[in-house]
Each structure stands twice: as C-alpha cells, then as structure tokens.
C-alpha atoms as a PDB file:
ATOM      1  CA  MET A   1      36.742  43.735  73.686  1.00  0.00           C
ATOM      2  CA  ALA A   2      39.732  45.820  73.018  1.00  0.00           C
ATOM      3  CA  LEU A   3      41.404  42.934  71.343  1.00  0.00           C
ATOM      4  CA  GLN A   4      38.517  42.488  68.977  1.00  0.00           C
ATOM      5  CA  VAL A   5      38.574  46.232  68.033  1.00  0.00           C
ATOM      6  CA  LEU A   6      42.303  46.092  67.643  1.00  0.00           C
ATOM      7  CA  LEU A   7      41.913  42.916  65.399  1.00  0.00           C
ATOM      8  CA  ALA A   8      39.233  44.536  63.189  1.00  0.00           C
ATOM      9  CA  LEU A   9      41.154  47.805  62.854  1.00  0.00           C
ATOM     10  CA  SER A  10      44.399  45.679  61.752  1.00  0.00           C
ATOM     11  CA  LEU A  11      42.187  43.863  59.200  1.00  0.00           C
ATOM     12  CA  VAL A  12      40.632  47.099  57.865  1.00  0.00           C
ATOM     13  CA  MET A  13      44.308  48.512  57.536  1.00  0.00           C
ATOM     14  CA  ALA A  14      45.518  45.258  55.839  1.00  0.00           C
ATOM     15  CA  VAL A  15      42.812  45.353  53.379  1.00  0.00           C
ATOM     16  CA  LEU A  16      43.495  49.037  52.546  1.00  0.00           C
ATOM     17  CA  TYR A  17      47.090  48.350  52.088  1.00  0.00           C
ATOM     18  CA  PHE A  18      46.942  45.397  49.681  1.00  0.00           C
ATOM     19  CA  TRP A  19      43.714  46.058  47.989  1.00  0.00           C
ATOM     20  CA  ARG A  20      44.280  48.680  45.203  1.00  0.00           C
ATOM     21  CA  PRO A  21      41.113  49.048  43.069  1.00  0.00           C
ATOM     22  CA  ALA A  22      41.635  50.633  39.628  1.00  0.00           C
ATOM     23  CA  ASP A  23      40.379  54.127  39.161  1.00  0.00           C
ATOM     24  CA  ILE A  24      36.861  53.869  37.830  1.00  0.00           C
ATOM     25  CA  ARG A  25      37.683  56.177  34.986  1.00  0.00           C
ATOM     26  CA  THR A  26      40.498  53.866  33.852  1.00  0.00           C
ATOM     27  CA  PRO A  27      38.962  51.115  31.562  1.00  0.00           C
ATOM     28  CA  ASP A  28      40.310  47.534  31.467  1.00  0.00           C
ATOM     29  CA  SER A  29      42.712  46.769  28.757  1.00  0.00           C
ATOM     30  CA  ALA A  30      39.997  45.138  26.570  1.00  0.00           C
ATOM     31  CA  THR A  31      37.740  48.112  26.749  1.00  0.00           C
ATOM     32  CA  ALA A  32      40.886  50.485  26.169  1.00  0.00           C
ATOM     33  CA  GLU A  33      41.431  48.421  22.968  1.00  0.00           C
ATOM     34  CA  ARG A  34      38.037  48.642  21.489  1.00  0.00           C
ATOM     35  CA  ARG A  35      37.486  52.256  22.470  1.00  0.00           C
ATOM     36  CA  GLY A  36      37.982  53.425  18.990  1.00  0.00           C
ATOM     37  CA  ASP A  37      35.301  50.984  17.854  1.00  0.00           C
ATOM     38  CA  LEU A  38      32.681  52.545  20.093  1.00  0.00           C
ATOM     39  CA  PRO A  39      30.639  55.466  18.860  1.00  0.00           C
ATOM     40  CA  LYS A  40      30.981  58.763  20.816  1.00  0.00           C
ATOM     41  CA  THR A  41      27.619  60.134  19.888  1.00  0.00           C
ATOM     42  CA  TYR A  42      24.263  58.461  18.837  1.00  0.00           C
ATOM     43  CA  LEU A  43      21.639  60.449  16.986  1.00  0.00           C
ATOM     44  CA  TYR A  44      18.118  59.267  15.970  1.00  0.00           C
ATOM     45  CA  ALA A  45      15.789  60.490  13.227  1.00  0.00           C
ATOM     46  CA  ILE A  46      18.194  63.112  11.964  1.00  0.00           C
ATOM     47  CA  GLN A  47      17.962  65.464   9.134  1.00  0.00           C
ATOM     48  CA  ARG A  48      20.602  67.865   7.734  1.00  0.00           C
ATOM     49  CA  THR A  49      19.559  70.602   5.223  1.00  0.00           C
ATOM     50  CA  SER A  50      22.226  72.481   3.344  1.00  0.00           C
ATOM     51  CA  TYR A  51      22.129  75.566   1.309  1.00  0.00           C
ATOM     52  CA  ASP A  52      24.374  77.090  -1.392  1.00  0.00           C
ATOM     53  CA  GLU A  53      25.973  80.565  -1.211  1.00  0.00           C
ATOM     54  CA  THR A  54      22.825  82.202  -2.725  1.00  0.00           C
ATOM     55  CA  GLY A  55      20.548  80.646  -0.140  1.00  0.00           C
ATOM     56  CA  GLU A  56      19.115  78.055  -2.470  1.00  0.00           C
ATOM     57  CA  LEU A  57      18.465  74.504  -1.116  1.00  0.00           C
ATOM     58  CA  SER A  58      21.229  72.278  -2.361  1.00  0.00           C
ATOM     59  CA  GLY A  59      20.638  69.066  -0.425  1.00  0.00           C
ATOM     60  CA  ILE A  60      18.975  67.197   2.446  1.00  0.00           C
ATOM     61  CA  VAL A  61      20.412  64.188   4.292  1.00  0.00           C
ATOM     62  CA  ARG A  62      18.152  62.117   6.508  1.00  0.00           C
ATOM     63  CA  ALA A  63      18.789  58.903   8.367  1.00  0.00           C
ATOM     64  CA  ILE A  64      17.063  56.725  11.025  1.00  0.00           C
ATOM     65  CA  LYS A  65      20.047  56.690  13.100  1.00  0.00           C
ATOM     66  CA  ALA A  66      23.748  58.162  12.938  1.00  0.00           C
ATOM     67  CA  GLN A  67      26.708  57.243  15.054  1.00  0.00           C
ATOM     68  CA  ASP A  68      29.731  59.391  15.285  1.00  0.00           C
ATOM     69  CA  PHE A  69      33.180  57.810  15.590  1.00  0.00           C
ATOM     70  CA  PRO A  70      35.574  60.629  16.298  1.00  0.00           C
ATOM     71  CA  GLU A  71      38.766  58.322  16.609  1.00  0.00           C
ATOM     72  CA  GLN A  72      37.853  56.928  13.063  1.00  0.00           C
ATOM     73  CA  ARG A  73      36.913  60.407  11.882  1.00  0.00           C
ATOM     74  CA  GLU A  74      33.716  59.257  10.380  1.00  0.00           C
ATOM     75  CA  THR A  75      29.954  59.128  11.003  1.00  0.00           C
ATOM     76  CA  ARG A  76      27.840  56.083  10.045  1.00  0.00           C
ATOM     77  CA  PHE A  77      24.242  56.175   9.094  1.00  0.00           C
ATOM     78  CA  THR A  78      21.451  53.690   9.103  1.00  0.00           C
ATOM     79  CA  LEU A  79      18.839  53.754   6.363  1.00  0.00           C
ATOM     80  CA  PRO A  80      20.360  57.097   4.921  1.00  0.00           C
ATOM     81  CA  ARG A  81      18.110  58.999   2.362  1.00  0.00           C
ATOM     82  CA  ILE A  82      19.659  61.934   0.379  1.00  0.00           C
ATOM     83  CA  TYR A  83      18.140  64.483  -1.839  1.00  0.00           C
ATOM     84  CA  THR A  84      20.316  66.632  -4.061  1.00  0.00           C
ATOM     85  CA  HIS A  85      18.929  69.805  -5.607  1.00  0.00           C
ATOM     86  CA  ASP A  86      20.253  71.977  -8.378  1.00  0.00           C
ATOM     87  CA  GLY A  87      17.464  74.443  -9.077  1.00  0.00           C
ATOM     88  CA  ASP A  88      13.930  73.246  -9.278  1.00  0.00           C
ATOM     89  CA  ALA A  89      14.333  71.158 -12.323  1.00  0.00           C
ATOM     90  CA  ARG A  90      17.017  68.799 -11.376  1.00  0.00           C
ATOM     91  CA  THR A  91      16.648  66.666  -8.282  1.00  0.00           C
ATOM     92  CA  TRP A  92      17.984  63.271  -7.349  1.00  0.00           C
ATOM     93  CA  SER A  93      17.248  60.919  -4.476  1.00  0.00           C
ATOM     94  CA  ALA A  94      19.635  58.272  -3.187  1.00  0.00           C
ATOM     95  CA  SER A  95      18.837  55.578  -0.351  1.00  0.00           C
ATOM     96  CA  ALA A  96      20.652  52.709   1.070  1.00  0.00           C
ATOM     97  CA  ASP A  97      20.767  50.444   4.084  1.00  0.00           C
ATOM     98  CA  ASN A  98      24.050  51.919   5.340  1.00  0.00           C
ATOM     99  CA  GLY A  99      26.098  55.056   4.771  1.00  0.00           C
ATOM    100  CA  LYS A 100      29.492  56.489   5.971  1.00  0.00           C
ATOM    101  CA  LEU A 101      30.716  60.012   5.691  1.00  0.00           C
ATOM    102  CA  LYS A 102      34.270  60.676   6.380  1.00  0.00           C
ATOM    103  CA  HIS A 103      34.827  63.688   8.555  1.00  0.00           C
ATOM    104  CA  GLY A 104      36.268  66.653   6.459  1.00  0.00           C
ATOM    105  CA  SER A 105      34.977  65.068   3.310  1.00  0.00           C
ATOM    106  CA  GLN A 106      31.784  65.711   1.367  1.00  0.00           C
ATOM    107  CA  LYS A 107      31.842  61.999   0.203  1.00  0.00           C
ATOM    108  CA  LEU A 108      28.993  59.696   1.372  1.00  0.00           C
ATOM    109  CA  PHE A 109      29.815  56.021   0.932  1.00  0.00           C
ATOM    110  CA  LEU A 110      26.598  54.043   0.618  1.00  0.00           C
ATOM    111  CA  THR A 111      26.328  50.237   0.840  1.00  0.00           C
ATOM    112  CA  GLU A 112      23.758  47.602   0.668  1.00  0.00           C
ATOM    113  CA  ASN A 113      20.475  48.099  -1.544  1.00  0.00           C
ATOM    114  CA  VAL A 114      21.617  51.269  -2.941  1.00  0.00           C
ATOM    115  CA  GLN A 115      19.187  53.312  -5.210  1.00  0.00           C
ATOM    116  CA  LEU A 116      19.817  56.458  -7.019  1.00  0.00           C
ATOM    117  CA  ILE A 117      16.605  57.996  -8.689  1.00  0.00           C
ATOM    118  CA  ASN A 118      16.339  60.873 -11.027  1.00  0.00           C
ATOM    119  CA  ASP A 119      13.189  62.375  -9.647  1.00  0.00           C
ATOM    120  CA  GLN A 120      12.049  64.021 -12.945  1.00  0.00           C
ATOM    121  CA  SER A 121      12.376  60.942 -15.274  1.00  0.00           C
ATOM    122  CA  THR A 122      12.053  58.193 -12.606  1.00  0.00           C
ATOM    123  CA  ALA A 123      14.965  56.525 -14.054  1.00  0.00           C
ATOM    124  CA  ARG A 124      16.473  54.331 -11.263  1.00  0.00           C
ATOM    125  CA  LEU A 125      20.089  52.869 -10.730  1.00  0.00           C
ATOM    126  CA  ASP A 126      20.329  49.958  -8.312  1.00  0.00           C
ATOM    127  CA  THR A 127      23.531  48.579  -6.946  1.00  0.00           C
ATOM    128  CA  GLN A 128      25.280  47.467  -3.780  1.00  0.00           C
ATOM    129  CA  SER A 129      27.961  50.094  -3.337  1.00  0.00           C
ATOM    130  CA  MET A 130      28.142  53.758  -4.528  1.00  0.00           C
ATOM    131  CA  THR A 131      30.104  56.884  -3.469  1.00  0.00           C
ATOM    132  CA  LEU A 132      28.078  59.927  -3.599  1.00  0.00           C
ATOM    133  CA  ASP A 133      30.045  63.388  -3.587  1.00  0.00           C
ATOM    134  CA  LEU A 134      27.694  65.900  -1.930  1.00  0.00           C
ATOM    135  CA  LYS A 135      29.746  68.855  -3.088  1.00  0.00           C
ATOM    136  CA  ALA A 136      30.632  67.999  -6.611  1.00  0.00           C
ATOM    137  CA  LYS A 137      27.096  66.296  -6.958  1.00  0.00           C
ATOM    138  CA  THR A 138      28.484  63.147  -8.590  1.00  0.00           C
ATOM    139  CA  ALA A 139      27.840  59.434  -8.060  1.00  0.00           C
ATOM    140  CA  ILE A 140      30.294  56.611  -8.682  1.00  0.00           C
ATOM    141  CA  SER A 141      29.873  52.887  -8.444  1.00  0.00           C
ATOM    142  CA  ARG A 142      32.542  50.233  -9.414  1.00  0.00           C
ATOM    143  CA  VAL A 143      30.292  47.199  -8.824  1.00  0.00           C
ATOM    144  CA  PRO A 144      27.374  45.897 -10.947  1.00  0.00           C
ATOM    145  CA  VAL A 145      24.542  48.264 -11.513  1.00  0.00           C
ATOM    146  CA  ALA A 146      21.072  48.016 -13.067  1.00  0.00           C
ATOM    147  CA  MET A 147      19.380  51.143 -14.633  1.00  0.00           C
ATOM    148  CA  THR A 148      15.742  50.805 -15.193  1.00  0.00           C
ATOM    149  CA  GLU A 149      13.201  53.327 -16.625  1.00  0.00           C
ATOM    150  CA  GLY A 150       9.759  51.767 -17.294  1.00  0.00           C
ATOM    151  CA  ALA A 151      10.337  48.357 -18.845  1.00  0.00           C
ATOM    152  CA  ASN A 152      13.692  49.168 -20.232  1.00  0.00           C
ATOM    153  CA  ARG A 153      16.841  47.964 -18.427  1.00  0.00           C
ATOM    154  CA  ILE A 154      20.516  48.486 -18.782  1.00  0.00           C
ATOM    155  CA  ASP A 155      23.109  46.425 -16.759  1.00  0.00           C
ATOM    156  CA  ALA A 156      26.829  47.398 -16.531  1.00  0.00           C
ATOM    157  CA  GLN A 157      29.797  46.568 -14.195  1.00  0.00           C
ATOM    158  CA  GLY A 158      30.041  50.268 -13.003  1.00  0.00           C
ATOM    159  CA  MET A 159      28.732  53.757 -13.546  1.00  0.00           C
ATOM    160  CA  GLU A 160      29.609  57.417 -13.084  1.00  0.00           C
ATOM    161  CA  ALA A 161      26.804  59.936 -12.799  1.00  0.00           C
ATOM    162  CA  ASP A 162      26.893  63.821 -12.915  1.00  0.00           C
ATOM    163  CA  LEU A 163      23.840  64.829 -11.047  1.00  0.00           C
ATOM    164  CA  ILE A 164      23.975  68.522 -12.309  1.00  0.00           C
ATOM    165  CA  THR A 165      24.175  67.684 -16.002  1.00  0.00           C
ATOM    166  CA  GLU A 166      22.029  64.482 -15.583  1.00  0.00           C
ATOM    167  CA  ARG A 167      24.530  62.335 -17.455  1.00  0.00           C
ATOM    168  CA  VAL A 168      25.136  58.723 -16.512  1.00  0.00           C
ATOM    169  CA  ARG A 169      28.100  56.876 -17.919  1.00  0.00           C
ATOM    170  CA  LEU A 170      27.836  53.056 -17.809  1.00  0.00           C
ATOM    171  CA  GLN A 171      30.837  50.850 -18.295  1.00  0.00           C
ATOM    172  CA  PRO A 172      32.138  48.203 -18.721  1.00  0.00           C
ATOM    173  CA  ASN A 173      30.194  45.271 -20.238  1.00  0.00           C
ATOM    174  CA  VAL A 174      27.138  47.140 -20.789  1.00  0.00           C
ATOM    175  CA  GLU A 175      23.793  45.111 -21.819  1.00  0.00           C
ATOM    176  CA  SER A 176      20.601  46.753 -22.564  1.00  0.00           C
ATOM    177  CA  ILE A 177      17.118  45.474 -22.940  1.00  0.00           C
ATOM    178  CA  TYR A 178      14.883  48.021 -24.793  1.00  0.00           C
ATOM    179  CA  VAL A 179      10.953  47.298 -24.876  1.00  0.00           C
ATOM    180  CA  PRO A 180       9.261  49.490 -27.478  1.00  0.00           C
ATOM    181  CA  ILE A 181       6.443  51.639 -26.113  1.00  0.00           C
ATOM    182  CA  SER A 182       3.799  49.630 -27.828  1.00  0.00           C
ATOM    183  CA  ASN A 183       4.915  46.529 -26.010  1.00  0.00           C
ATOM    184  CA  GLN A 184       5.213  48.010 -22.625  1.00  0.00           C
ATOM    185  CA  PRO A 185       2.415  47.188 -19.988  1.00  0.00           C
END
C-alpha cells in the first residue's frame, strides 16, 4: 500500500514538473495575431444625438449595430442612418448598409447602397461609396452617382455636396434626363 501511495505521489510530481499549462490570460499565437481584428465593444440599436454651441440640434446618427475597434481606432456601423440639421429649413438624411467612423475624426465613410436625401425637395443621390463630414456638413463621392428628383435623373462619375448651402456639384461625365412636368406620371 505504501508503495502504491509513493508511486501515485511520484506520478503527480512528475506531471506537475513536466506539464506547464499556459496562463489562461495569455492567448495562443493565432489569437494574438488577430486580436486587432476583433471588436472590443458591441452596441445594438444605437442613437447618438449632437447639438451645436447654441443648443440647437445639429445631427443624429442611428445604427442597428456598432462595433468599436480601439487598436484600429475606428467604429464600424451596420445599417447606419444619419440626419443632419442646419436650422429647421435644411435637413438631409443619409443611409447605407455599412459605415465606418475613424476615431478623432468627424468623417463617416459609408459603403454599399448609399443614399443621400434632401428632406425638403426629396432629391436623392444614390451611390456605392460616400464620405460624410459631420462637422463641415459635406458629402463627397468619387464613384458613379445617380441623382433623381421625380422623373428627372442625372448620372455622374462623382459628386461633392455642401449640405448647408444645399449645393451639389456633379462631375465628371455628367449625363441628364429631363422629363417635362406635362410628361411626368
């Protein structure tokens, strides 16, 4: 019996000596390599409301989901919807399938099925990629855009929009289809 206890004790000592489990807090090399690709925080059904210096509403950002990536210094949004306000008379809405906000910047990069709508005139810009500067209230796209209002349509290879003055500059290769009011449905 003493021999069995001594043998069991020796076996336990040998296992403890040779077996060196990694600290649970230390990830394996594959996990450590992709750590920067993993979000630190997930938020669902978010809304951020911002006001200017006078207390007036200046914008609202909504999204189904937001993921924060601190190592990449960015937050990624799923189905973002942005509302910019400049007084009661000038509001714009933007939406996309995806969005990305670089930390420390007020620029929101929108991709896939991007729409920018002037809420007063219902003119709509459709594109696949757009940069929305939330502070300067400008929008820029360097890929093909289609601007529609009623039955009228303008196509271009890019655009720049000032959301405060409500001026949109389309260029290059602009093509327009104008339907007179008498011919519109």
